[in-house]
Amino acid sequence: MPCSLWRPCALLLSVLPGTAVAGPAAEPAIAPATVAVLAATCVSCHGPGGHSSTDIPSIAGQSESRLRARLLAFRNGTAPDATIMTRLMKGYDEAQIAALARWFAQER
């Protein structure tokens, strides 16, 4: 549906059942199967589903906003307690980081 005024159209679509809005400010959607592949690299250290049985912190069930902020801090090199995570997160973009935070925030 073409719309020259994005905000009014987005508002209208947001209240219509069964519609989704992806606009200029929206993050690109990442397919669940792709997120599962990305998450597989995390579980090698953080345990199945993000539940660690070692000294490495569990990441499952933490708040999405906390996980996202933490992953961004690793990527940006601003987490003073980071070890290998700073190097690992350099390879992820904003959408992938958001998807991983959402993935691990859900209890599995």
PDB file of N, CA and C in Angstrom:
ATOM      1  N   MET A   1       0.840  -1.164   0.000  1.00  0.00           N
ATOM      2  CA  MET A   1       0.000   0.000   0.000  1.00  0.00           C
ATOM      3  C   MET A   1       0.891   1.234   0.000  1.00  0.00           C
ATOM      4  N   PRO A   2       0.910   1.998  -1.098  1.00  0.00           N
ATOM      5  CA  PRO A   2       1.753   3.183  -1.122  1.00  0.00           C
ATOM      6  C   PRO A   2       1.195   4.254  -0.191  1.00  0.00           C
ATOM      7  N   CYS A   3       2.094   4.969   0.405  1.00  0.00           N
ATOM      8  CA  CYS A   3       1.672   6.023   1.318  1.00  0.00           C
ATOM      9  C   CYS A   3       2.734   7.105   1.336  1.00  0.00           C
ATOM     10  N   SER A   4       2.336   8.322   1.060  1.00  0.00           N
ATOM     11  CA  SER A   4       3.307   9.408   1.075  1.00  0.00           C
ATOM     12  C   SER A   4       3.549   9.922   2.486  1.00  0.00           C
ATOM     13  N   LEU A   5       2.659   9.614   3.394  1.00  0.00           N
ATOM     14  CA  LEU A   5       2.824  10.027   4.780  1.00  0.00           C
ATOM     15  C   LEU A   5       2.979   8.774   5.632  1.00  0.00           C
ATOM     16  N   TRP A   6       4.212   8.388   5.905  1.00  0.00           N
ATOM     17  CA  TRP A   6       4.491   7.107   6.558  1.00  0.00           C
ATOM     18  C   TRP A   6       3.811   6.981   7.913  1.00  0.00           C
ATOM     19  N   ARG A   7       3.932   7.956   8.786  1.00  0.00           N
ATOM     20  CA  ARG A   7       3.409   7.824  10.148  1.00  0.00           C
ATOM     21  C   ARG A   7       1.908   7.557  10.196  1.00  0.00           C
ATOM     22  N   PRO A   8       1.058   8.305   9.479  1.00  0.00           N
ATOM     23  CA  PRO A   8      -0.375   7.985   9.532  1.00  0.00           C
ATOM     24  C   PRO A   8      -0.682   6.581   9.025  1.00  0.00           C
ATOM     25  N   CYS A   9      -0.012   6.169   7.969  1.00  0.00           N
ATOM     26  CA  CYS A   9      -0.247   4.814   7.457  1.00  0.00           C
ATOM     27  C   CYS A   9       0.214   3.770   8.462  1.00  0.00           C
ATOM     28  N   ALA A  10       1.354   4.006   9.085  1.00  0.00           N
ATOM     29  CA  ALA A  10       1.852   3.063  10.076  1.00  0.00           C
ATOM     30  C   ALA A  10       0.898   2.969  11.249  1.00  0.00           C
ATOM     31  N   LEU A  11       0.357   4.099  11.675  1.00  0.00           N
ATOM     32  CA  LEU A  11      -0.602   4.096  12.771  1.00  0.00           C
ATOM     33  C   LEU A  11      -1.848   3.308  12.389  1.00  0.00           C
ATOM     34  N   LEU A  12      -2.344   3.527  11.198  1.00  0.00           N
ATOM     35  CA  LEU A  12      -3.514   2.800  10.730  1.00  0.00           C
ATOM     36  C   LEU A  12      -3.236   1.307  10.664  1.00  0.00           C
ATOM     37  N   LEU A  13      -2.118   0.926  10.095  1.00  0.00           N
ATOM     38  CA  LEU A  13      -1.790  -0.490   9.973  1.00  0.00           C
ATOM     39  C   LEU A  13      -1.551  -1.138  11.326  1.00  0.00           C
ATOM     40  N   SER A  14      -1.058  -0.362  12.291  1.00  0.00           N
ATOM     41  CA  SER A  14      -0.771  -0.953  13.593  1.00  0.00           C
ATOM     42  C   SER A  14      -2.033  -1.345  14.348  1.00  0.00           C
ATOM     43  N   VAL A  15      -3.171  -0.779  13.993  1.00  0.00           N
ATOM     44  CA  VAL A  15      -4.406  -1.124  14.688  1.00  0.00           C
ATOM     45  C   VAL A  15      -5.251  -2.128  13.912  1.00  0.00           C
ATOM     46  N   LEU A  16      -4.879  -2.428  12.685  1.00  0.00           N
ATOM     47  CA  LEU A  16      -5.628  -3.408  11.906  1.00  0.00           C
ATOM     48  C   LEU A  16      -5.128  -4.804  12.233  1.00  0.00           C
ATOM     49  N   PRO A  17      -6.033  -5.732  12.562  1.00  0.00           N
ATOM     50  CA  PRO A  17      -5.596  -7.087  12.899  1.00  0.00           C
ATOM     51  C   PRO A  17      -4.939  -7.757  11.702  1.00  0.00           C
ATOM     52  N   GLY A  18      -3.877  -8.516  11.996  1.00  0.00           N
ATOM     53  CA  GLY A  18      -3.212  -9.303  10.964  1.00  0.00           C
ATOM     54  C   GLY A  18      -2.283  -8.508  10.068  1.00  0.00           C
ATOM     55  N   THR A  19      -1.975  -7.276  10.423  1.00  0.00           N
ATOM     56  CA  THR A  19      -1.053  -6.492   9.600  1.00  0.00           C
ATOM     57  C   THR A  19       0.243  -6.287  10.350  1.00  0.00           C
ATOM     58  N   ALA A  20       1.301  -6.110   9.618  1.00  0.00           N
ATOM     59  CA  ALA A  20       2.609  -5.843  10.210  1.00  0.00           C
ATOM     60  C   ALA A  20       3.173  -4.603   9.562  1.00  0.00           C
ATOM     61  N   VAL A  21       3.900  -3.848  10.328  1.00  0.00           N
ATOM     62  CA  VAL A  21       4.482  -2.616   9.827  1.00  0.00           C
ATOM     63  C   VAL A  21       5.993  -2.771   9.786  1.00  0.00           C
ATOM     64  N   ALA A  22       6.572  -2.493   8.658  1.00  0.00           N
ATOM     65  CA  ALA A  22       8.019  -2.434   8.528  1.00  0.00           C
ATOM     66  C   ALA A  22       8.325  -1.147   7.801  1.00  0.00           C
ATOM     67  N   GLY A  23       8.788  -0.181   8.517  1.00  0.00           N
ATOM     68  CA  GLY A  23       9.037   1.124   7.930  1.00  0.00           C
ATOM     69  C   GLY A  23      10.493   1.501   7.997  1.00  0.00           C
ATOM     70  N   PRO A  24      10.781   2.739   7.695  1.00  0.00           N
ATOM     71  CA  PRO A  24      12.156   3.188   7.667  1.00  0.00           C
ATOM     72  C   PRO A  24      12.891   3.028   8.990  1.00  0.00           C
ATOM     73  N   ALA A  25      12.187   3.156  10.102  1.00  0.00           N
ATOM     74  CA  ALA A  25      12.847   3.039  11.400  1.00  0.00           C
ATOM     75  C   ALA A  25      12.834   1.605  11.921  1.00  0.00           C
ATOM     76  N   ALA A  26      12.107   0.718  11.260  1.00  0.00           N
ATOM     77  CA  ALA A  26      12.006  -0.665  11.729  1.00  0.00           C
ATOM     78  C   ALA A  26      13.285  -1.431  11.406  1.00  0.00           C
ATOM     79  N   GLU A  27      13.619  -2.382  12.278  1.00  0.00           N
ATOM     80  CA  GLU A  27      14.759  -3.239  12.011  1.00  0.00           C
ATOM     81  C   GLU A  27      14.352  -4.286  10.986  1.00  0.00           C
ATOM     82  N   PRO A  28      15.277  -4.693  10.134  1.00  0.00           N
ATOM     83  CA  PRO A  28      14.933  -5.734   9.183  1.00  0.00           C
ATOM     84  C   PRO A  28      14.578  -7.024   9.919  1.00  0.00           C
ATOM     85  N   ALA A  29      13.581  -7.706   9.430  1.00  0.00           N
ATOM     86  CA  ALA A  29      13.161  -8.962  10.057  1.00  0.00           C
ATOM     87  C   ALA A  29      14.194 -10.042   9.770  1.00  0.00           C
ATOM     88  N   ILE A  30      14.485 -10.831  10.777  1.00  0.00           N
ATOM     89  CA  ILE A  30      15.397 -11.960  10.619  1.00  0.00           C
ATOM     90  C   ILE A  30      14.584 -13.209  10.870  1.00  0.00           C
ATOM     91  N   ALA A  31      14.623 -14.124   9.937  1.00  0.00           N
ATOM     92  CA  ALA A  31      13.845 -15.353  10.035  1.00  0.00           C
ATOM     93  C   ALA A  31      14.255 -16.139  11.282  1.00  0.00           C
ATOM     94  N   PRO A  32      13.278 -16.764  11.958  1.00  0.00           N
ATOM     95  CA  PRO A  32      13.591 -17.544  13.159  1.00  0.00           C
ATOM     96  C   PRO A  32      14.667 -18.604  12.925  1.00  0.00           C
ATOM     97  N   ALA A  33      14.669 -19.226  11.756  1.00  0.00           N
ATOM     98  CA  ALA A  33      15.692 -20.238  11.469  1.00  0.00           C
ATOM     99  C   ALA A  33      17.082 -19.610  11.433  1.00  0.00           C
ATOM    100  N   THR A  34      17.173 -18.393  10.939  1.00  0.00           N
ATOM    101  CA  THR A  34      18.456 -17.690  10.905  1.00  0.00           C
ATOM    102  C   THR A  34      18.903 -17.328  12.307  1.00  0.00           C
ATOM    103  N   VAL A  35      17.975 -16.891  13.140  1.00  0.00           N
ATOM    104  CA  VAL A  35      18.311 -16.555  14.527  1.00  0.00           C
ATOM    105  C   VAL A  35      18.778 -17.810  15.255  1.00  0.00           C
ATOM    106  N   ALA A  36      18.150 -18.935  14.980  1.00  0.00           N
ATOM    107  CA  ALA A  36      18.553 -20.192  15.614  1.00  0.00           C
ATOM    108  C   ALA A  36      19.996 -20.538  15.243  1.00  0.00           C
ATOM    109  N   VAL A  37      20.375 -20.283  14.010  1.00  0.00           N
ATOM    110  CA  VAL A  37      21.753 -20.541  13.576  1.00  0.00           C
ATOM    111  C   VAL A  37      22.709 -19.592  14.298  1.00  0.00           C
ATOM    112  N   LEU A  38      22.335 -18.313  14.380  1.00  0.00           N
ATOM    113  CA  LEU A  38      23.172 -17.347  15.096  1.00  0.00           C
ATOM    114  C   LEU A  38      23.303 -17.742  16.567  1.00  0.00           C
ATOM    115  N   ALA A  39      22.208 -18.155  17.176  1.00  0.00           N
ATOM    116  CA  ALA A  39      22.196 -18.519  18.598  1.00  0.00           C
ATOM    117  C   ALA A  39      23.028 -19.767  18.867  1.00  0.00           C
ATOM    118  N   ALA A  40      23.166 -20.627  17.874  1.00  0.00           N
ATOM    119  CA  ALA A  40      23.937 -21.860  18.056  1.00  0.00           C
ATOM    120  C   ALA A  40      25.387 -21.560  18.422  1.00  0.00           C
ATOM    121  N   THR A  41      25.916 -20.458  17.919  1.00  0.00           N
ATOM    122  CA  THR A  41      27.292 -20.118  18.278  1.00  0.00           C
ATOM    123  C   THR A  41      27.388 -19.697  19.736  1.00  0.00           C
ATOM    124  N   CYS A  42      26.326 -19.126  20.274  1.00  0.00           N
ATOM    125  CA  CYS A  42      26.317 -18.673  21.671  1.00  0.00           C
ATOM    126  C   CYS A  42      26.257 -19.859  22.639  1.00  0.00           C
ATOM    127  N   VAL A  43      25.488 -20.877  22.269  1.00  0.00           N
ATOM    128  CA  VAL A  43      25.271 -21.993  23.191  1.00  0.00           C
ATOM    129  C   VAL A  43      26.508 -22.858  23.366  1.00  0.00           C
ATOM    130  N   SER A  44      27.475 -22.727  22.485  1.00  0.00           N
ATOM    131  CA  SER A  44      28.695 -23.508  22.677  1.00  0.00           C
ATOM    132  C   SER A  44      29.401 -23.107  23.972  1.00  0.00           C
ATOM    133  N   CYS A  45      29.223 -21.868  24.406  1.00  0.00           N
ATOM    134  CA  CYS A  45      29.798 -21.424  25.685  1.00  0.00           C
ATOM    135  C   CYS A  45      28.736 -21.242  26.770  1.00  0.00           C
ATOM    136  N   HIS A  46      27.576 -20.689  26.389  1.00  0.00           N
ATOM    137  CA  HIS A  46      26.549 -20.341  27.371  1.00  0.00           C
ATOM    138  C   HIS A  46      25.566 -21.473  27.645  1.00  0.00           C
ATOM    139  N   GLY A  47      25.759 -22.622  27.018  1.00  0.00           N
ATOM    140  CA  GLY A  47      24.946 -23.791  27.291  1.00  0.00           C
ATOM    141  C   GLY A  47      23.702 -23.882  26.433  1.00  0.00           C
ATOM    142  N   PRO A  48      23.085 -25.067  26.388  1.00  0.00           N
ATOM    143  CA  PRO A  48      21.876 -25.280  25.589  1.00  0.00           C
ATOM    144  C   PRO A  48      20.779 -24.295  25.961  1.00  0.00           C
ATOM    145  N   GLY A  49      20.258 -23.600  24.979  1.00  0.00           N
ATOM    146  CA  GLY A  49      19.211 -22.620  25.215  1.00  0.00           C
ATOM    147  C   GLY A  49      19.689 -21.420  26.019  1.00  0.00           C
ATOM    148  N   GLY A  50      20.995 -21.301  26.233  1.00  0.00           N
ATOM    149  CA  GLY A  50      21.541 -20.191  27.011  1.00  0.00           C
ATOM    150  C   GLY A  50      21.634 -20.474  28.501  1.00  0.00           C
ATOM    151  N   HIS A  51      21.394 -21.747  28.899  1.00  0.00           N
ATOM    152  CA  HIS A  51      21.474 -22.154  30.308  1.00  0.00           C
ATOM    153  C   HIS A  51      22.853 -22.766  30.564  1.00  0.00           C
ATOM    154  N   SER A  52      23.727 -22.017  31.185  1.00  0.00           N
ATOM    155  CA  SER A  52      25.093 -22.465  31.422  1.00  0.00           C
ATOM    156  C   SER A  52      25.178 -23.359  32.656  1.00  0.00           C
ATOM    157  N   SER A  53      26.049 -24.366  32.568  1.00  0.00           N
ATOM    158  CA  SER A  53      26.306 -25.217  33.736  1.00  0.00           C
ATOM    159  C   SER A  53      27.744 -25.021  34.211  1.00  0.00           C
ATOM    160  N   THR A  54      28.373 -23.951  33.716  1.00  0.00           N
ATOM    161  CA  THR A  54      29.754 -23.647  34.090  1.00  0.00           C
ATOM    162  C   THR A  54      29.816 -22.246  34.696  1.00  0.00           C
ATOM    163  N   ASP A  55      31.020 -21.722  34.836  1.00  0.00           N
ATOM    164  CA  ASP A  55      31.200 -20.361  35.356  1.00  0.00           C
ATOM    165  C   ASP A  55      30.816 -19.294  34.332  1.00  0.00           C
ATOM    166  N   ILE A  56      30.616 -19.683  33.096  1.00  0.00           N
ATOM    167  CA  ILE A  56      30.167 -18.737  32.074  1.00  0.00           C
ATOM    168  C   ILE A  56      28.710 -18.399  32.372  1.00  0.00           C
ATOM    169  N   PRO A  57      28.348 -17.121  32.349  1.00  0.00           N
ATOM    170  CA  PRO A  57      26.983 -16.734  32.741  1.00  0.00           C
ATOM    171  C   PRO A  57      25.901 -17.327  31.835  1.00  0.00           C
ATOM    172  N   SER A  58      24.783 -17.670  32.450  1.00  0.00           N
ATOM    173  CA  SER A  58      23.594 -18.052  31.688  1.00  0.00           C
ATOM    174  C   SER A  58      23.001 -16.778  31.099  1.00  0.00           C
ATOM    175  N   ILE A  59      22.511 -16.881  29.884  1.00  0.00           N
ATOM    176  CA  ILE A  59      21.900 -15.718  29.243  1.00  0.00           C
ATOM    177  C   ILE A  59      20.412 -15.927  28.994  1.00  0.00           C
ATOM    178  N   ALA A  60      19.931 -17.120  29.189  1.00  0.00           N
ATOM    179  CA  ALA A  60      18.516 -17.410  28.962  1.00  0.00           C
ATOM    180  C   ALA A  60      17.647 -16.712  29.986  1.00  0.00           C
ATOM    181  N   GLY A  61      16.555 -16.134  29.513  1.00  0.00           N
ATOM    182  CA  GLY A  61      15.569 -15.549  30.403  1.00  0.00           C
ATOM    183  C   GLY A  61      15.897 -14.162  30.928  1.00  0.00           C
ATOM    184  N   GLN A  62      17.055 -13.604  30.569  1.00  0.00           N
ATOM    185  CA  GLN A  62      17.351 -12.229  30.974  1.00  0.00           C
ATOM    186  C   GLN A  62      16.488 -11.288  30.139  1.00  0.00           C
ATOM    187  N   SER A  63      16.320 -10.083  30.586  1.00  0.00           N
ATOM    188  CA  SER A  63      15.471  -9.159  29.833  1.00  0.00           C
ATOM    189  C   SER A  63      16.098  -8.844  28.477  1.00  0.00           C
ATOM    190  N   GLU A  64      15.233  -8.680  27.510  1.00  0.00           N
ATOM    191  CA  GLU A  64      15.680  -8.383  26.151  1.00  0.00           C
ATOM    192  C   GLU A  64      16.499  -7.094  26.115  1.00  0.00           C
ATOM    193  N   SER A  65      16.048  -6.080  26.842  1.00  0.00           N
ATOM    194  CA  SER A  65      16.759  -4.800  26.818  1.00  0.00           C
ATOM    195  C   SER A  65      18.142  -4.925  27.451  1.00  0.00           C
ATOM    196  N   ARG A  66      18.256  -5.709  28.520  1.00  0.00           N
ATOM    197  CA  ARG A  66      19.560  -5.904  29.159  1.00  0.00           C
ATOM    198  C   ARG A  66      20.498  -6.669  28.237  1.00  0.00           C
ATOM    199  N   LEU A  67      20.000  -7.730  27.635  1.00  0.00           N
ATOM    200  CA  LEU A  67      20.825  -8.514  26.718  1.00  0.00           C
ATOM    201  C   LEU A  67      21.288  -7.668  25.536  1.00  0.00           C
ATOM    202  N   ARG A  68      20.372  -6.923  24.973  1.00  0.00           N
ATOM    203  CA  ARG A  68      20.714  -6.083  23.822  1.00  0.00           C
ATOM    204  C   ARG A  68      21.772  -5.047  24.199  1.00  0.00           C
ATOM    205  N   ALA A  69      21.590  -4.386  25.326  1.00  0.00           N
ATOM    206  CA  ALA A  69      22.563  -3.383  25.773  1.00  0.00           C
ATOM    207  C   ALA A  69      23.931  -4.023  26.013  1.00  0.00           C
ATOM    208  N   ARG A  70      23.908  -5.187  26.607  1.00  0.00           N
ATOM    209  CA  ARG A  70      25.169  -5.894  26.897  1.00  0.00           C
ATOM    210  C   ARG A  70      25.883  -6.301  25.612  1.00  0.00           C
ATOM    211  N   LEU A  71      25.131  -6.855  24.652  1.00  0.00           N
ATOM    212  CA  LEU A  71      25.737  -7.264  23.386  1.00  0.00           C
ATOM    213  C   LEU A  71      26.286  -6.061  22.626  1.00  0.00           C
ATOM    214  N   LEU A  72      25.561  -4.958  22.659  1.00  0.00           N
ATOM    215  CA  LEU A  72      26.050  -3.739  22.009  1.00  0.00           C
ATOM    216  C   LEU A  72      27.306  -3.218  22.705  1.00  0.00           C
ATOM    217  N   ALA A  73      27.346  -3.296  24.034  1.00  0.00           N
ATOM    218  CA  ALA A  73      28.538  -2.866  24.767  1.00  0.00           C
ATOM    219  C   ALA A  73      29.742  -3.729  24.392  1.00  0.00           C
ATOM    220  N   PHE A  74      29.521  -5.023  24.239  1.00  0.00           N
ATOM    221  CA  PHE A  74      30.609  -5.896  23.788  1.00  0.00           C
ATOM    222  C   PHE A  74      31.077  -5.466  22.399  1.00  0.00           C
ATOM    223  N   ARG A  75      30.125  -5.301  21.488  1.00  0.00           N
ATOM    224  CA  ARG A  75      30.479  -4.951  20.113  1.00  0.00           C
ATOM    225  C   ARG A  75      31.199  -3.605  20.031  1.00  0.00           C
ATOM    226  N   ASN A  76      30.754  -2.652  20.845  1.00  0.00           N
ATOM    227  CA  ASN A  76      31.334  -1.314  20.800  1.00  0.00           C
ATOM    228  C   ASN A  76      32.606  -1.178  21.640  1.00  0.00           C
ATOM    229  N   GLY A  77      32.968  -2.243  22.353  1.00  0.00           N
ATOM    230  CA  GLY A  77      34.181  -2.224  23.166  1.00  0.00           C
ATOM    231  C   GLY A  77      34.055  -1.418  24.442  1.00  0.00           C
ATOM    232  N   THR A  78      32.830  -1.254  24.936  1.00  0.00           N
ATOM    233  CA  THR A  78      32.622  -0.448  26.145  1.00  0.00           C
ATOM    234  C   THR A  78      32.315  -1.283  27.388  1.00  0.00           C
ATOM    235  N   ALA A  79      32.377  -2.596  27.272  1.00  0.00           N
ATOM    236  CA  ALA A  79      32.148  -3.476  28.426  1.00  0.00           C
ATOM    237  C   ALA A  79      33.499  -3.780  29.072  1.00  0.00           C
ATOM    238  N   PRO A  80      33.802  -3.168  30.222  1.00  0.00           N
ATOM    239  CA  PRO A  80      35.124  -3.330  30.825  1.00  0.00           C
ATOM    240  C   PRO A  80      35.425  -4.758  31.292  1.00  0.00           C
ATOM    241  N   ASP A  81      34.394  -5.563  31.523  1.00  0.00           N
ATOM    242  CA  ASP A  81      34.600  -6.928  32.002  1.00  0.00           C
ATOM    243  C   ASP A  81      34.588  -7.970  30.884  1.00  0.00           C
ATOM    244  N   ALA A  82      34.604  -7.515  29.639  1.00  0.00           N
ATOM    245  CA  ALA A  82      34.512  -8.435  28.498  1.00  0.00           C
ATOM    246  C   ALA A  82      35.810  -9.213  28.307  1.00  0.00           C
ATOM    247  N   THR A  83      35.648 -10.419  27.853  1.00  0.00           N
ATOM    248  CA  THR A  83      36.814 -11.221  27.472  1.00  0.00           C
ATOM    249  C   THR A  83      36.742 -11.404  25.959  1.00  0.00           C
ATOM    250  N   ILE A  84      36.379 -12.569  25.522  1.00  0.00           N
ATOM    251  CA  ILE A  84      36.307 -12.845  24.087  1.00  0.00           C
ATOM    252  C   ILE A  84      35.069 -12.243  23.421  1.00  0.00           C
ATOM    253  N   MET A  85      34.072 -11.882  24.222  1.00  0.00           N
ATOM    254  CA  MET A  85      32.821 -11.371  23.652  1.00  0.00           C
ATOM    255  C   MET A  85      33.019 -10.121  22.801  1.00  0.00           C
ATOM    256  N   THR A  86      33.955  -9.274  23.151  1.00  0.00           N
ATOM    257  CA  THR A  86      34.206  -8.071  22.355  1.00  0.00           C
ATOM    258  C   THR A  86      34.597  -8.445  20.938  1.00  0.00           C
ATOM    259  N   ARG A  87      35.445  -9.431  20.795  1.00  0.00           N
ATOM    260  CA  ARG A  87      35.861  -9.868  19.454  1.00  0.00           C
ATOM    261  C   ARG A  87      34.737 -10.588  18.734  1.00  0.00           C
ATOM    262  N   LEU A  88      33.976 -11.402  19.449  1.00  0.00           N
ATOM    263  CA  LEU A  88      32.898 -12.160  18.806  1.00  0.00           C
ATOM    264  C   LEU A  88      31.790 -11.250  18.286  1.00  0.00           C
ATOM    265  N   MET A  89      31.426 -10.248  19.039  1.00  0.00           N
ATOM    266  CA  MET A  89      30.288  -9.404  18.662  1.00  0.00           C
ATOM    267  C   MET A  89      30.598  -8.447  17.524  1.00  0.00           C
ATOM    268  N   LYS A  90      31.856  -8.265  17.171  1.00  0.00           N
ATOM    269  CA  LYS A  90      32.217  -7.387  16.049  1.00  0.00           C
ATOM    270  C   LYS A  90      31.569  -7.854  14.752  1.00  0.00           C
ATOM    271  N   GLY A  91      31.267  -9.134  14.650  1.00  0.00           N
ATOM    272  CA  GLY A  91      30.702  -9.691  13.428  1.00  0.00           C
ATOM    273  C   GLY A  91      29.190  -9.574  13.305  1.00  0.00           C
ATOM    274  N   TYR A  92      28.511  -8.986  14.290  1.00  0.00           N
ATOM    275  CA  TYR A  92      27.053  -8.909  14.280  1.00  0.00           C
ATOM    276  C   TYR A  92      26.587  -7.476  14.034  1.00  0.00           C
ATOM    277  N   ASP A  93      25.523  -7.341  13.226  1.00  0.00           N
ATOM    278  CA  ASP A  93      24.952  -6.012  13.013  1.00  0.00           C
ATOM    279  C   ASP A  93      23.829  -5.780  14.032  1.00  0.00           C
ATOM    280  N   GLU A  94      23.257  -4.574  13.996  1.00  0.00           N
ATOM    281  CA  GLU A  94      22.217  -4.193  14.977  1.00  0.00           C
ATOM    282  C   GLU A  94      21.015  -5.138  14.950  1.00  0.00           C
ATOM    283  N   ALA A  95      20.568  -5.512  13.747  1.00  0.00           N
ATOM    284  CA  ALA A  95      19.402  -6.385  13.634  1.00  0.00           C
ATOM    285  C   ALA A  95      19.690  -7.770  14.206  1.00  0.00           C
ATOM    286  N   GLN A  96      20.872  -8.277  13.964  1.00  0.00           N
ATOM    287  CA  GLN A  96      21.241  -9.585  14.504  1.00  0.00           C
ATOM    288  C   GLN A  96      21.347  -9.541  16.023  1.00  0.00           C
ATOM    289  N   ILE A  97      21.901  -8.466  16.552  1.00  0.00           N
ATOM    290  CA  ILE A  97      22.004  -8.317  17.997  1.00  0.00           C
ATOM    291  C   ILE A  97      20.617  -8.243  18.633  1.00  0.00           C
ATOM    292  N   ALA A  98      19.728  -7.471  18.017  1.00  0.00           N
ATOM    293  CA  ALA A  98      18.355  -7.369  18.524  1.00  0.00           C
ATOM    294  C   ALA A  98      17.665  -8.729  18.485  1.00  0.00           C
ATOM    295  N   ALA A  99      17.864  -9.472  17.404  1.00  0.00           N
ATOM    296  CA  ALA A  99      17.240 -10.790  17.270  1.00  0.00           C
ATOM    297  C   ALA A  99      17.786 -11.769  18.309  1.00  0.00           C
ATOM    298  N   LEU A 100      19.084 -11.731  18.557  1.00  0.00           N
ATOM    299  CA  LEU A 100      19.666 -12.608  19.578  1.00  0.00           C
ATOM    300  C   LEU A 100      19.165 -12.253  20.971  1.00  0.00           C
ATOM    301  N   ALA A 101      19.067 -10.974  21.262  1.00  0.00           N
ATOM    302  CA  ALA A 101      18.554 -10.549  22.574  1.00  0.00           C
ATOM    303  C   ALA A 101      17.130 -11.036  22.762  1.00  0.00           C
ATOM    304  N   ARG A 102      16.318 -10.911  21.723  1.00  0.00           N
ATOM    305  CA  ARG A 102      14.921 -11.375  21.783  1.00  0.00           C
ATOM    306  C   ARG A 102      14.880 -12.889  21.970  1.00  0.00           C
ATOM    307  N   TRP A 103      15.725 -13.595  21.251  1.00  0.00           N
ATOM    308  CA  TRP A 103      15.785 -15.066  21.275  1.00  0.00           C
ATOM    309  C   TRP A 103      16.102 -15.575  22.691  1.00  0.00           C
ATOM    310  N   PHE A 104      17.147 -15.041  23.300  1.00  0.00           N
ATOM    311  CA  PHE A 104      17.561 -15.530  24.607  1.00  0.00           C
ATOM    312  C   PHE A 104      16.703 -14.999  25.741  1.00  0.00           C
ATOM    313  N   ALA A 105      15.983 -13.910  25.523  1.00  0.00           N
ATOM    314  CA  ALA A 105      15.080 -13.392  26.549  1.00  0.00           C
ATOM    315  C   ALA A 105      13.898 -14.326  26.765  1.00  0.00           C
ATOM    316  N   GLN A 106      13.548 -15.088  25.739  1.00  0.00           N
ATOM    317  CA  GLN A 106      12.450 -16.040  25.857  1.00  0.00           C
ATOM    318  C   GLN A 106      12.966 -17.304  26.529  1.00  0.00           C
ATOM    319  N   GLU A 107      12.290 -17.736  27.576  1.00  0.00           N
ATOM    320  CA  GLU A 107      12.693 -18.979  28.251  1.00  0.00           C
ATOM    321  C   GLU A 107      12.554 -20.143  27.298  1.00  0.00           C
ATOM    322  N   ARG A 108      13.571 -20.935  27.231  1.00  0.00           N
ATOM    323  CA  ARG A 108      13.568 -22.129  26.350  1.00  0.00           C
ATOM    324  C   ARG A 108      13.769 -23.352  27.194  1.00  0.00           C
TER     325      ARG A 108
END
